[in-house]
Protein backbone atom coordinates (compact mmCIF):
# COMPACT_ATOMS: atom_id res chain seq x y z
CA UNK A 1 0.00 0.00 0.00
CA UNK A 2 1.16 3.47 -0.82
CA UNK A 3 0.91 6.19 1.73
CA UNK A 4 -1.91 8.65 1.09
CA UNK A 5 -0.74 11.97 -0.34
CA UNK A 6 -1.35 15.15 1.59
CA UNK A 7 -4.11 17.38 0.20
CA UNK A 8 -2.96 20.46 -1.74
CA UNK A 9 -3.12 23.67 0.27
CA UNK A 10 -6.09 25.88 -0.44
CA UNK A 11 -5.21 28.95 -2.50
CA UNK A 12 -4.88 32.13 -0.53
CA UNK A 13 -7.10 35.10 -1.46
CA UNK A 14 -4.12 36.93 -2.96
CA UNK A 15 -3.17 33.90 -5.07
CA UNK A 16 -6.70 33.32 -6.33
CA UNK A 17 -7.11 37.03 -7.12
CA UNK A 18 -3.86 37.08 -9.11
CA UNK A 19 -4.92 33.95 -10.98
CA UNK A 20 -8.25 35.51 -11.88
CA UNK A 21 -6.89 38.90 -12.95
CA UNK A 22 -3.65 37.78 -14.58
CA UNK A 23 -0.49 39.88 -14.54
CA UNK A 24 -0.88 43.46 -13.41
CA UNK A 25 -1.14 45.95 -16.25
CA UNK A 26 1.15 48.93 -16.49
CA UNK A 27 -0.92 52.12 -15.99
CA UNK A 28 -1.79 53.94 -19.20
CA UNK A 29 -0.20 57.14 -17.91
CA UNK A 30 3.15 55.36 -17.66
CA UNK A 31 2.91 53.78 -21.11
CA UNK A 32 1.87 57.00 -22.84
CA UNK A 33 4.48 59.03 -20.95
CA UNK A 34 7.18 56.66 -22.13
CA UNK A 35 5.87 56.89 -25.70
CA UNK A 36 5.92 60.70 -25.48
CA UNK A 37 9.48 60.61 -24.14
CA UNK A 38 10.58 58.31 -26.96
CA UNK A 39 8.94 60.60 -29.55
CA UNK A 40 10.62 63.67 -28.02
CA UNK A 41 14.01 61.93 -27.99
CA UNK A 42 13.50 60.81 -31.59
CA UNK A 43 12.68 64.34 -32.71
CA UNK A 44 15.75 65.75 -30.95
CA UNK A 45 17.97 63.06 -32.48
CA UNK A 46 16.44 63.64 -35.93
CA UNK A 47 17.33 67.32 -36.11
CA UNK A 48 20.62 67.20 -34.20
CA UNK A 49 22.12 63.94 -35.44
CA UNK A 50 20.45 62.82 -38.68
CA UNK A 51 19.72 66.05 -40.55
CA UNK A 52 23.29 67.41 -40.20
CA UNK A 53 24.70 64.36 -42.03
CA UNK A 54 22.26 64.67 -44.94
CA UNK A 55 23.36 66.48 -48.12
CA UNK A 56 23.64 70.21 -47.51
CA UNK A 57 21.03 70.97 -50.18
CA UNK A 58 18.17 72.64 -48.25
CA UNK A 59 15.55 71.11 -50.56
CA UNK A 60 16.80 67.61 -49.73
CA UNK A 61 16.58 68.39 -46.03
CA UNK A 62 13.10 69.83 -46.45
CA UNK A 63 11.95 66.66 -48.23
CA UNK A 64 13.44 64.55 -45.42
CA UNK A 65 11.59 66.60 -42.81
CA UNK A 66 8.30 66.38 -44.69
CA UNK A 67 8.64 62.60 -45.09
CA UNK A 68 9.61 62.15 -41.45
CA UNK A 69 6.74 64.19 -40.06
CA UNK A 70 4.26 62.48 -42.38
CA UNK A 71 5.33 59.10 -40.98
CA UNK A 72 5.05 60.51 -37.45
CA UNK A 73 1.51 61.81 -38.00
CA UNK A 74 0.38 58.54 -39.60
CA UNK A 75 1.90 56.58 -36.71
CA UNK A 76 0.12 58.84 -34.22
CA UNK A 77 -3.21 58.29 -35.95
CA UNK A 78 -2.61 54.52 -36.09
CA UNK A 79 -1.74 54.62 -32.39
CA UNK A 80 -5.08 56.16 -31.47
CA UNK A 81 -4.59 59.93 -31.47
CA UNK A 82 -7.57 61.76 -32.94
CA UNK A 83 -7.51 64.80 -35.22
CA UNK A 84 -8.52 66.81 -32.15
CA UNK A 85 -5.52 65.45 -30.23
CA UNK A 86 -3.31 66.58 -33.11
CA UNK A 87 -4.82 70.07 -33.23
CA UNK A 88 -6.34 69.41 -36.64
CA UNK A 89 -10.03 68.94 -35.83
CA UNK A 90 -12.11 70.91 -38.40
CA UNK A 91 -14.22 72.45 -35.62
CA UNK A 92 -11.12 74.31 -34.36
CA UNK A 93 -9.89 75.58 -37.73
CA UNK A 94 -11.72 78.90 -37.61
CA UNK A 95 -10.47 79.77 -34.13
CA UNK A 96 -6.94 78.72 -35.04
CA UNK A 97 -6.95 80.75 -38.25
CA UNK A 98 -8.21 83.83 -36.38
CA UNK A 99 -5.47 83.60 -33.79
CA UNK A 100 -2.85 82.70 -36.38
CA UNK A 101 -3.84 85.58 -38.64
CA UNK A 102 -3.79 88.00 -35.72
CA UNK A 103 -0.32 86.76 -34.77
CA UNK A 104 1.01 87.34 -38.28
CA UNK A 105 -0.47 90.85 -38.24
CA UNK A 106 1.05 91.74 -34.86
CA UNK A 107 4.48 90.42 -35.84
CA UNK A 108 4.32 92.24 -39.17
CA UNK A 109 3.45 95.47 -37.35
CA UNK A 110 6.40 95.03 -35.01
CA UNK A 111 8.82 94.43 -37.87
CA UNK A 112 7.37 97.40 -39.77
CA UNK A 113 8.06 99.69 -36.82
CA UNK A 114 11.59 98.31 -36.49
CA UNK A 115 12.14 98.83 -40.22
CA UNK A 116 10.90 102.43 -40.20
CA UNK A 117 12.82 103.61 -37.14
CA UNK A 118 16.42 104.62 -37.95
CA UNK A 119 17.60 103.41 -34.55
CA UNK A 120 16.33 99.84 -35.03
CA UNK A 121 16.56 99.33 -38.78
CA UNK A 122 20.29 98.36 -38.68
CA UNK A 123 19.36 95.49 -36.35
CA UNK A 124 17.47 93.87 -39.24
CA UNK A 125 20.38 93.95 -41.64
CA UNK A 126 21.99 90.60 -42.39
CA UNK A 127 25.12 90.30 -44.58
CA UNK A 128 24.33 86.66 -45.28
CA UNK A 129 21.04 87.60 -46.89
CA UNK A 130 22.75 90.35 -48.87
CA UNK A 131 25.23 87.86 -50.30
CA UNK A 132 22.60 85.25 -51.20
CA UNK A 133 21.16 85.06 -54.74
CA UNK A 134 17.63 86.41 -55.05
CA UNK A 135 16.33 83.00 -56.17
CA UNK A 136 17.72 81.36 -53.03
CA UNK A 137 16.11 83.98 -50.78
CA UNK A 138 12.75 83.63 -52.53
CA UNK A 139 12.92 79.83 -52.29
CA UNK A 140 13.65 80.12 -48.60
CA UNK A 141 10.81 82.57 -47.94
CA UNK A 142 8.14 80.81 -49.99
CA UNK A 143 8.94 77.11 -49.56
CA UNK A 144 11.78 76.09 -47.28
CA UNK A 145 10.65 78.02 -44.20
CA UNK A 146 6.84 77.66 -44.53
CA UNK A 147 6.95 73.94 -45.36
CA UNK A 148 10.31 72.53 -44.28
CA UNK A 149 10.48 74.46 -41.00
CA UNK A 150 7.12 75.82 -39.85
CA UNK A 151 4.70 73.13 -41.02
CA UNK A 152 6.98 70.22 -40.09
CA UNK A 153 7.87 71.57 -36.66
CA UNK A 154 4.28 72.47 -35.81
CA UNK A 155 2.94 69.06 -36.82
CA UNK A 156 5.70 67.32 -34.86
CA UNK A 157 5.66 69.41 -31.68
CA UNK A 158 2.34 71.26 -31.32
CA UNK A 159 0.61 68.39 -33.13
CA UNK A 160 1.88 64.92 -32.24
CA UNK A 161 3.98 65.56 -29.13
CA UNK A 162 1.45 67.94 -27.60
CA UNK A 163 -1.36 65.50 -28.28
CA UNK A 164 0.58 62.62 -26.74
CA UNK A 165 1.45 64.48 -23.55
CA UNK A 166 -2.07 65.79 -23.04
CA UNK A 167 -3.50 62.32 -23.65
CA UNK A 168 -0.95 60.76 -21.28
CA UNK A 169 -1.66 63.18 -18.43
CA UNK A 170 -5.38 63.75 -19.01
CA UNK A 171 -7.27 64.41 -15.77
CA UNK A 172 -4.18 65.22 -13.75
CA UNK A 173 -3.58 68.67 -12.33
CA UNK A 174 -0.31 69.12 -14.21
CA UNK A 175 -1.67 68.02 -17.61
CA UNK A 176 -1.99 71.41 -19.31
CA UNK A 177 1.10 73.14 -17.93
CA UNK A 178 3.08 69.91 -18.14
CA UNK A 179 2.32 69.52 -21.84
CA UNK A 180 3.32 73.14 -22.51
CA UNK A 181 6.63 72.82 -20.63
CA UNK A 182 7.47 69.40 -22.08
CA UNK A 183 6.80 70.41 -25.68
CA UNK A 184 8.59 73.75 -25.35
CA UNK A 185 11.63 72.07 -23.80
CA UNK A 186 11.87 69.47 -26.56
CA UNK A 187 11.37 72.23 -29.14
CA UNK A 188 14.31 74.17 -27.69
CA UNK A 189 16.63 71.15 -27.70
CA UNK A 190 15.55 70.39 -31.29
CA UNK A 191 17.46 73.59 -32.22
CA UNK A 192 20.63 72.65 -30.31
CA UNK A 193 22.77 71.79 -33.34
CA UNK A 194 21.87 75.06 -35.04
CA UNK A 195 22.60 77.00 -31.86
CA UNK A 196 26.02 75.38 -31.52
CA UNK A 197 26.81 76.09 -35.18
CA UNK A 198 25.74 79.74 -34.96
CA UNK A 199 25.58 81.00 -31.35
CA UNK A 200 24.26 84.46 -30.69
CA UNK A 201 27.09 86.99 -30.89
CA UNK A 202 29.54 84.23 -31.71
CA UNK A 203 29.89 83.44 -27.99
CA UNK A 204 30.01 79.62 -27.67
CA UNK A 205 28.29 78.97 -24.33
CA UNK A 206 26.27 82.10 -23.63
CA UNK A 207 25.21 82.37 -27.27
CA UNK A 208 23.97 78.79 -27.34
CA UNK A 209 22.06 79.24 -24.09
CA UNK A 210 20.51 82.44 -25.43
CA UNK A 211 19.22 80.61 -28.51
CA UNK A 212 17.78 77.81 -26.38
CA UNK A 213 16.09 80.20 -23.94
CA UNK A 214 14.55 82.31 -26.71
CA UNK A 215 13.40 79.19 -28.56
CA UNK A 216 11.92 77.67 -25.41
CA UNK A 217 10.09 80.93 -24.66
CA UNK A 218 8.66 80.98 -28.18
CA UNK A 219 7.71 77.34 -27.75
CA UNK A 220 5.79 78.16 -24.58
CA UNK A 221 3.87 80.94 -26.31
CA UNK A 222 2.99 78.74 -29.29
CA UNK A 223 1.97 75.81 -27.07
CA UNK A 224 -0.24 78.00 -24.88
CA UNK A 225 -2.03 79.45 -27.91
CA UNK A 226 -2.35 76.01 -29.50
CA UNK A 227 -3.85 74.66 -26.28
CA UNK A 228 -6.22 77.61 -25.90
CA UNK A 229 -7.58 77.31 -29.44
CA UNK A 230 -7.20 73.55 -29.84
CA UNK A 231 -5.68 74.21 -33.27
CA UNK A 232 -2.14 74.16 -34.60
CA UNK A 233 -3.17 76.79 -37.15
CA UNK A 234 -2.78 79.32 -34.32
CA UNK A 235 0.80 78.29 -33.58
CA UNK A 236 1.54 78.04 -37.30
CA UNK A 237 0.55 81.70 -37.60
CA UNK A 238 2.94 82.73 -34.83
CA UNK A 239 5.72 80.63 -36.35
CA UNK A 240 5.14 82.01 -39.85
CA UNK A 241 5.08 85.54 -38.50
CA UNK A 242 8.39 85.30 -36.69
CA UNK A 243 10.20 83.33 -39.41
CA UNK A 244 8.79 84.38 -42.78
CA UNK A 245 7.74 87.95 -41.98
CA UNK A 246 11.04 88.35 -40.15
CA UNK A 247 12.93 87.20 -43.23
CA UNK A 248 11.01 89.62 -45.44
CA UNK A 249 11.89 92.46 -43.06
CA UNK A 250 15.55 91.44 -43.16
CA UNK A 251 15.49 91.36 -46.97
CA UNK A 252 13.97 94.83 -47.14
CA UNK A 253 16.45 96.24 -44.65
CA UNK A 254 19.48 94.58 -46.24
CA UNK A 255 18.83 95.09 -49.93
């Protein structure tokens, strides 16, 4: 005869609960925060590591940026972000266009005043623009900056990254301000390679920091307006005003 086997111990409440529920899921806020961090790091690496090794032709770099941001937007949509999350919901277009148009007008007025005043007009002069062929300046003002810079950066930062951070932190007290700070910070670091190559005043450390601070400040303004209107058309207007209208003012003052 074999000895009787001892009965198996009864499962504890914790064991039975774990068996019923399976492995614990990682909270959505953690998953989405990690995704947002990865996207931010990818954007920073794109502009600071990849773009500088591409051919120096600005059209080639513009095409690369357009292709990259298109993939990013499609991935965001496939991952569950809505057009509203991306700042592209049709119901917000009118508000965004109003704010964006007003921003262009205000910036244009500021540059006009600077151009007309003898004390400030020399600040707009740029020898690099003076030495550039007219065709290159026109290409930059009408295509490279509006599409390769403004549209791509707004879709990437005020569109995808802003939407990700707001979705990740939805319902938490820091959601709005956190999204603004996170996006503006990533936007500033996106410009690091350019700041190192051309620091303000030619001063290596202080000049680089000045570029980053100014860019971060602009990023905060654009993110706040984008969040207020729910539309990236508002931030696109600010971006176009500072970059394109600014270039036009420089051209007029230099030539």
